[in-house]
Amino acid sequence: MIKTAFVGAGARALAHMASIAAMPDAEVVAISDISEDIGRAAQAKANARLAEGVEPINAKFFTDLRQMADAVDFDALYLCLPPFVHGDIDHQAIDLGKALFIEKPLAVEISVANEIASHIAESGIVNAVGHQMRYSPLMDMSKELLEGKPIGMAIAIRLSNLPGQPWWRVQDKSGGMLIEQHVHAVDMMRVLCGEIETAYAVGGTLLSDDVEGIDIFDVNACTVRLANGAPGIIGNSTAAPQAKDLFPGHQVHVVAKDLVLSVQTDKTSVRRPGEEPEVFTSDANITYMINESFIDAVRAGNQGTIRCDYADALKSFAVTVACQQSAETNQVVTIADLL
């Protein structure tokens, strides 16, 4: 039985907890958050998601990682934290020598993530980052369709609303939508189209002047250059909830030779010249799949089943940071300079 523990018990954490509880050979044994009540509430919500007959989670609760590590034996640790919390706690987790699953985004500042990446590499621990779209059958299919085809352009746009957490609207706590949410689509762009080399962006807070305490960009548009020379477009807004159906959160359009793909979480459209569009759907539970992959890797003691480790996720994070820095400085940013 693979025993897991959690630091951070927000919405994403409870989704992982429910997935682990549904596995016959894994369990959640401990949960730590700033208050035990938060952990207990997350456990209750995760248990409410379980199918009939699945053994419910019965974890121990803590408010400190070190205390939890001293009191409970576990094989793997999940860090599901707001961006601004990353830093010291990641290094504490790495020093435990346990397998480590870190939810995105990796941090707010690239320097913090670079130091964590170096520490993980030195430690040799099994590690994964929560880019669950890597596990989508539709992503696999799309990669196969693009194999050997010249790619001319990639587009990732997210238009949605402002989340309710007060820290989310503060730049040095969340990093803004591009870093905190839209990094999923940036990661998809990298997987489908190759590495991104440079970024030039324009952004501002133009539509949300009635929101108290906001200092993140509510609109941002970035042009990037792919390694093959092709352009990419990354855009997002937290002030356009009316358009979220038009531009869902995790969606990338790829313009290739004689082919246009529109790839999203549960649907991919394939368009070819002179043909009717083909639409492929998937009901795969990619949250379960990413957890199953991680638990299998923990059991094997190697990275074999993991599709996105910290070093790889760092490259997607660096693209989002480059877009933010470019919009702030009005300068082209080279991604390699951040790593």
Protein backbone atom coordinates (compact mmCIF):
# COMPACT_ATOMS: atom_id res chain seq x y z
CA MET A 1 0.00 0.00 0.00
CA ILE A 2 1.42 3.39 -1.05
CA LYS A 3 0.81 5.94 1.71
CA THR A 4 0.41 9.58 0.71
CA ALA A 5 0.33 12.83 2.67
CA PHE A 6 -0.84 16.29 1.66
CA VAL A 7 0.32 19.81 2.42
CA GLY A 8 -2.46 22.12 1.29
CA ALA A 9 -6.09 21.04 1.23
CA GLY A 10 -7.76 23.26 -1.35
CA ALA A 11 -9.97 22.28 -4.27
CA ARG A 12 -7.23 20.69 -6.35
CA ALA A 13 -5.92 18.72 -3.39
CA LEU A 14 -9.28 17.11 -2.66
CA ALA A 15 -9.53 16.02 -6.32
CA HIS A 16 -6.20 14.23 -5.92
CA MET A 17 -7.31 12.77 -2.58
CA ALA A 18 -10.45 11.31 -4.15
CA SER A 19 -8.41 9.75 -6.95
CA ILE A 20 -5.96 8.16 -4.52
CA ALA A 21 -8.77 6.82 -2.31
CA ALA A 22 -10.31 5.13 -5.35
CA MET A 23 -7.09 3.15 -5.97
CA PRO A 24 -6.89 -0.31 -4.41
CA ASP A 25 -3.21 0.05 -3.48
CA ALA A 26 -2.92 3.67 -2.28
CA GLU A 27 -4.29 5.74 0.58
CA VAL A 28 -4.22 9.21 2.11
CA VAL A 29 -2.84 8.98 5.63
CA ALA A 30 -2.19 12.62 6.61
CA ILE A 31 -3.29 16.15 5.68
CA SER A 32 -1.65 19.40 6.73
CA ASP A 33 -3.01 22.93 6.26
CA ILE A 34 -3.04 26.21 8.18
CA SER A 35 -5.89 24.81 10.29
CA GLU A 36 -7.04 21.26 10.95
CA ASP A 37 -10.59 22.32 10.10
CA ILE A 38 -9.55 22.99 6.49
CA GLY A 39 -8.05 19.51 6.25
CA ARG A 40 -11.13 17.89 7.77
CA ALA A 41 -13.40 19.76 5.35
CA ALA A 42 -11.29 18.66 2.38
CA GLN A 43 -11.39 15.04 3.53
CA ALA A 44 -15.18 15.20 3.85
CA LYS A 45 -15.56 16.66 0.35
CA ALA A 46 -13.20 14.08 -1.13
CA ASN A 47 -15.08 11.25 0.59
CA ALA A 48 -18.36 12.61 -0.82
CA ARG A 49 -16.96 12.04 -4.32
CA LEU A 50 -16.15 8.37 -3.76
CA ALA A 51 -18.16 5.62 -5.36
CA GLU A 52 -20.20 3.33 -3.16
CA GLY A 53 -18.05 0.66 -1.57
CA VAL A 54 -14.79 2.63 -1.71
CA GLU A 55 -13.10 2.86 1.68
CA PRO A 56 -13.31 6.50 2.84
CA ILE A 57 -10.24 8.55 3.67
CA ASN A 58 -9.41 8.52 7.37
CA ALA A 59 -6.36 10.78 7.64
CA LYS A 60 -4.57 12.38 10.56
CA PHE A 61 -4.54 16.18 10.58
CA PHE A 62 -1.69 18.62 11.14
CA THR A 63 -0.77 22.26 10.71
CA ASP A 64 2.98 21.75 10.18
CA LEU A 65 4.90 19.63 7.67
CA ARG A 66 7.71 18.68 10.04
CA GLN A 67 5.25 17.64 12.74
CA MET A 68 3.35 15.53 10.22
CA ALA A 69 6.55 13.89 8.94
CA ASP A 70 7.62 13.03 12.49
CA ALA A 71 4.26 11.57 13.44
CA VAL A 72 3.17 9.69 10.30
CA ASP A 73 4.94 7.28 7.97
CA PHE A 74 4.24 8.02 4.29
CA ASP A 75 5.81 7.22 0.92
CA ALA A 76 4.82 10.26 -1.12
CA LEU A 77 3.98 13.87 -0.44
CA TYR A 78 1.65 16.18 -2.37
CA LEU A 79 2.21 19.95 -2.24
CA CYS A 80 -1.01 21.70 -3.35
CA LEU A 81 -0.30 25.30 -2.44
CA PRO A 82 -1.00 28.84 -3.66
CA PRO A 83 1.90 30.18 -5.76
CA PHE A 84 3.20 32.58 -3.13
CA VAL A 85 3.63 29.82 -0.52
CA HIS A 86 6.22 27.94 -2.58
CA GLY A 87 9.83 28.24 -1.50
CA ASP A 88 11.02 27.10 1.92
CA ILE A 89 8.31 24.48 2.27
CA ASP A 90 9.34 22.85 -1.04
CA HIS A 91 12.91 22.55 0.22
CA GLN A 92 11.67 21.06 3.50
CA ALA A 93 9.66 18.53 1.51
CA ILE A 94 12.60 17.60 -0.72
CA ASP A 95 14.82 17.08 2.32
CA LEU A 96 12.42 14.40 3.57
CA GLY A 97 13.58 12.23 0.67
CA LYS A 98 10.02 11.20 -0.21
CA ALA A 99 8.50 11.11 -3.67
CA LEU A 100 7.01 14.52 -4.38
CA PHE A 101 3.99 15.67 -6.40
CA ILE A 102 3.76 19.46 -6.80
CA GLU A 103 0.68 21.20 -8.15
CA LYS A 104 1.16 24.01 -10.65
CA PRO A 105 2.04 26.83 -10.74
CA LEU A 106 5.50 26.21 -9.37
CA ALA A 107 5.89 29.63 -7.73
CA VAL A 108 5.46 33.32 -8.54
CA GLU A 109 9.14 34.12 -9.07
CA ILE A 110 11.29 32.14 -11.50
CA SER A 111 14.27 32.32 -9.13
CA VAL A 112 12.31 30.38 -6.50
CA ALA A 113 11.39 27.65 -9.01
CA ASN A 114 14.96 27.42 -10.33
CA GLU A 115 16.29 26.78 -6.81
CA ILE A 116 13.64 24.12 -6.20
CA ALA A 117 14.46 22.46 -9.53
CA SER A 118 18.15 22.28 -8.63
CA HIS A 119 17.36 20.80 -5.22
CA ILE A 120 15.09 18.14 -6.73
CA ALA A 121 17.75 17.22 -9.30
CA GLU A 122 20.36 16.88 -6.56
CA SER A 123 18.07 14.77 -4.39
CA GLY A 124 17.16 12.23 -7.06
CA ILE A 125 13.64 11.82 -5.66
CA VAL A 126 10.72 10.69 -7.78
CA ASN A 127 8.83 13.85 -8.72
CA ALA A 128 5.86 15.00 -10.79
CA VAL A 129 3.96 18.23 -11.51
CA GLY A 130 0.20 18.45 -11.97
CA HIS A 131 -0.07 19.09 -15.71
CA GLN A 132 -2.85 16.56 -16.13
CA MET A 133 -3.47 17.41 -19.80
CA ARG A 134 -0.28 15.48 -20.55
CA TYR A 135 -2.30 12.33 -19.80
CA SER A 136 -5.25 13.11 -22.10
CA PRO A 137 -5.89 10.58 -24.89
CA LEU A 138 -6.81 13.57 -27.06
CA MET A 139 -3.35 15.05 -26.54
CA ASP A 140 -1.82 11.71 -27.52
CA MET A 141 -3.96 11.60 -30.66
CA SER A 142 -3.10 15.19 -31.54
CA LYS A 143 0.63 14.57 -31.18
CA GLU A 144 0.32 11.62 -33.55
CA LEU A 145 -1.57 13.72 -36.12
CA LEU A 146 1.13 16.40 -35.97
CA GLU A 147 4.01 13.95 -36.28
CA GLY A 148 6.22 15.02 -39.21
CA LYS A 149 3.96 17.93 -40.22
CA PRO A 150 5.37 21.47 -40.50
CA ILE A 151 3.74 23.68 -37.85
CA GLY A 152 2.97 27.26 -38.86
CA MET A 153 1.30 28.75 -35.79
CA ALA A 154 -0.10 27.93 -32.35
CA ILE A 155 -2.81 29.83 -30.48
CA ALA A 156 -3.87 29.62 -26.83
CA ILE A 157 -6.50 32.07 -25.57
CA ARG A 158 -8.40 31.97 -22.27
CA LEU A 159 -11.21 34.42 -21.52
CA SER A 160 -12.92 33.96 -18.19
CA ASN A 161 -13.71 35.52 -14.82
CA LEU A 162 -11.73 36.54 -11.75
CA PRO A 163 -11.58 33.81 -9.07
CA GLY A 164 -12.90 34.77 -5.66
CA GLN A 165 -9.83 34.27 -3.46
CA PRO A 166 -8.46 37.68 -2.39
CA TRP A 167 -4.85 36.58 -2.94
CA TRP A 168 -5.63 35.69 -6.56
CA ARG A 169 -5.94 39.34 -7.60
CA VAL A 170 -2.54 40.29 -6.13
CA GLN A 171 0.40 39.95 -8.51
CA ASP A 172 3.05 38.93 -5.96
CA LYS A 173 0.74 36.24 -4.57
CA SER A 174 -0.84 34.59 -7.63
CA GLY A 175 1.24 35.82 -10.55
CA GLY A 176 -1.99 36.59 -12.43
CA MET A 177 -4.10 34.42 -14.72
CA LEU A 178 -1.33 33.53 -17.17
CA ILE A 179 0.94 32.09 -14.49
CA GLU A 180 -1.76 30.70 -12.19
CA GLN A 181 -4.22 29.19 -14.69
CA HIS A 182 -3.24 29.59 -18.33
CA VAL A 183 0.06 27.75 -17.82
CA HIS A 184 -1.92 24.58 -18.64
CA ALA A 185 -2.49 25.76 -22.23
CA VAL A 186 1.09 27.01 -22.49
CA ASP A 187 2.24 23.54 -21.47
CA MET A 188 -0.05 22.01 -24.10
CA MET A 189 1.45 24.33 -26.71
CA ARG A 190 4.96 23.17 -25.82
CA VAL A 191 4.00 19.49 -25.92
CA LEU A 192 2.23 19.78 -29.28
CA CYS A 193 4.48 22.27 -31.06
CA GLY A 194 7.92 22.20 -29.45
CA GLU A 195 9.86 24.61 -27.29
CA ILE A 196 9.09 28.33 -27.09
CA GLU A 197 12.14 30.59 -27.39
CA THR A 198 11.07 34.23 -27.03
CA ALA A 199 8.10 36.27 -25.85
CA TYR A 200 6.86 39.80 -26.44
CA ALA A 201 3.72 40.86 -24.58
CA VAL A 202 1.40 43.75 -23.82
CA GLY A 203 -0.87 43.72 -20.78
CA GLY A 204 -2.73 45.94 -18.39
CA THR A 205 -5.51 46.31 -15.84
CA LEU A 206 -8.10 47.97 -18.03
CA LEU A 207 -11.52 46.51 -17.24
CA SER A 208 -11.47 45.77 -13.50
CA ASP A 209 -11.02 49.19 -11.91
CA ASP A 210 -14.06 48.44 -9.70
CA VAL A 211 -12.36 45.40 -8.10
CA GLU A 212 -10.84 46.25 -4.74
CA GLY A 213 -7.15 45.46 -4.32
CA ILE A 214 -6.52 44.17 -7.84
CA ASP A 215 -3.06 44.71 -9.33
CA ILE A 216 -2.82 41.77 -11.76
CA PHE A 217 -3.30 42.33 -15.48
CA ASP A 218 -6.90 41.63 -16.46
CA VAL A 219 -5.88 41.51 -20.14
CA ASN A 220 -2.66 40.16 -21.59
CA ALA A 221 -1.62 39.35 -25.16
CA CYS A 222 1.71 37.77 -26.06
CA THR A 223 3.45 36.79 -29.28
CA VAL A 224 5.97 34.00 -28.90
CA ARG A 225 8.44 32.40 -31.27
CA LEU A 226 8.65 28.61 -31.42
CA ALA A 227 11.96 26.84 -31.92
CA ASN A 228 11.05 26.10 -35.55
CA GLY A 229 10.54 29.84 -36.18
CA ALA A 230 6.76 29.72 -36.15
CA PRO A 231 4.76 32.36 -34.22
CA GLY A 232 2.47 31.61 -31.33
CA ILE A 233 -0.25 33.67 -29.70
CA ILE A 234 -1.03 33.49 -25.99
CA GLY A 235 -3.86 35.66 -24.68
CA ASN A 236 -5.96 35.82 -21.57
CA SER A 237 -8.41 37.96 -19.64
CA THR A 238 -9.96 37.70 -16.19
CA ALA A 239 -12.63 40.24 -17.17
CA ALA A 240 -14.54 38.30 -19.81
CA PRO A 241 -16.72 35.63 -18.16
CA GLN A 242 -19.19 35.97 -21.04
CA ALA A 243 -16.62 34.43 -23.40
CA LYS A 244 -15.45 31.44 -21.38
CA ASP A 245 -17.45 29.01 -23.53
CA LEU A 246 -15.83 30.43 -26.66
CA PHE A 247 -12.33 30.18 -25.22
CA PRO A 248 -12.30 27.39 -22.59
CA GLY A 249 -9.41 27.26 -20.17
CA HIS A 250 -7.33 24.45 -21.60
CA GLN A 251 -7.47 24.85 -25.38
CA VAL A 252 -4.78 25.15 -28.05
CA HIS A 253 -5.25 25.65 -31.78
CA VAL A 254 -2.45 24.39 -34.02
CA VAL A 255 -2.11 25.47 -37.64
CA ALA A 256 -0.06 22.85 -39.50
CA LYS A 257 0.44 21.87 -43.13
CA ASP A 258 -3.01 20.85 -44.46
CA LEU A 259 -4.31 20.50 -40.92
CA VAL A 260 -5.82 22.64 -38.14
CA LEU A 261 -6.27 21.11 -34.71
CA SER A 262 -8.31 22.55 -31.84
CA VAL A 263 -7.37 20.59 -28.74
CA GLN A 264 -9.20 20.91 -25.41
CA THR A 265 -9.80 18.83 -22.30
CA ASP A 266 -12.66 16.68 -23.54
CA LYS A 267 -12.89 17.47 -27.27
CA THR A 268 -10.54 17.83 -30.23
CA SER A 269 -11.57 19.11 -33.66
CA VAL A 270 -9.60 18.15 -36.76
CA ARG A 271 -9.99 20.23 -39.92
CA ARG A 272 -8.50 19.32 -43.30
CA PRO A 273 -8.92 21.03 -46.70
CA GLY A 274 -12.09 20.01 -48.51
CA GLU A 275 -13.33 17.79 -45.69
CA GLU A 276 -15.92 18.13 -42.98
CA PRO A 277 -14.43 18.71 -39.52
CA GLU A 278 -13.88 15.61 -37.42
CA VAL A 279 -14.68 15.91 -33.72
CA PHE A 280 -13.22 13.46 -31.22
CA THR A 281 -14.33 13.36 -27.60
CA SER A 282 -12.99 11.72 -24.47
CA ASP A 283 -14.44 11.09 -21.04
CA ALA A 284 -11.10 9.94 -19.63
CA ASN A 285 -10.56 10.90 -16.00
CA ILE A 286 -7.18 12.57 -16.46
CA THR A 287 -6.98 13.56 -12.80
CA TYR A 288 -7.18 9.88 -11.88
CA MET A 289 -4.67 9.05 -14.62
CA ILE A 290 -2.02 11.52 -13.45
CA ASN A 291 -2.33 10.21 -9.89
CA GLU A 292 -2.19 6.61 -11.02
CA SER A 293 0.96 7.42 -12.99
CA PHE A 294 2.57 9.04 -9.96
CA ILE A 295 1.64 6.20 -7.59
CA ASP A 296 3.03 3.66 -10.09
CA ALA A 297 6.28 5.66 -10.22
CA VAL A 298 6.48 5.76 -6.41
CA ARG A 299 6.02 2.00 -6.29
CA ALA A 300 8.70 1.44 -8.96
CA GLY A 301 11.06 4.02 -7.49
CA ASN A 302 11.70 5.72 -10.83
CA GLN A 303 10.27 8.32 -13.24
CA GLY A 304 9.17 5.78 -15.83
CA THR A 305 5.41 6.47 -15.86
CA ILE A 306 5.58 10.23 -15.19
CA ARG A 307 4.95 12.48 -18.18
CA CYS A 308 5.82 15.81 -16.57
CA ASP A 309 8.53 16.17 -13.95
CA TYR A 310 9.59 19.40 -12.27
CA ALA A 311 12.39 20.16 -14.74
CA ASP A 312 9.97 19.91 -17.66
CA ALA A 313 7.22 21.91 -15.94
CA LEU A 314 9.79 24.62 -15.20
CA LYS A 315 10.06 25.31 -18.94
CA SER A 316 6.31 25.98 -19.24
CA PHE A 317 6.39 28.13 -16.11
CA ALA A 318 9.30 30.11 -17.59
CA VAL A 319 7.21 30.93 -20.67
CA THR A 320 4.44 32.42 -18.54
CA VAL A 321 6.97 34.41 -16.51
CA ALA A 322 8.56 35.67 -19.74
CA CYS A 323 5.16 36.88 -20.98
CA GLN A 324 4.56 38.69 -17.69
CA GLN A 325 8.02 40.28 -17.64
CA SER A 326 7.74 41.37 -21.26
CA ALA A 327 4.41 43.10 -20.63
CA GLU A 328 5.91 44.87 -17.61
CA THR A 329 9.09 46.01 -19.39
CA ASN A 330 7.97 46.37 -23.03
CA GLN A 331 10.97 44.21 -24.00
CA VAL A 332 11.38 40.88 -25.75
CA VAL A 333 12.27 38.18 -23.21
CA THR A 334 14.28 35.09 -24.13
CA ILE A 335 13.03 32.09 -22.18
CA ALA A 336 16.47 30.46 -21.90
CA ASP A 337 17.71 33.54 -20.01
CA LEU A 338 15.26 32.75 -17.21
CA LEU A 339 16.41 29.19 -16.67
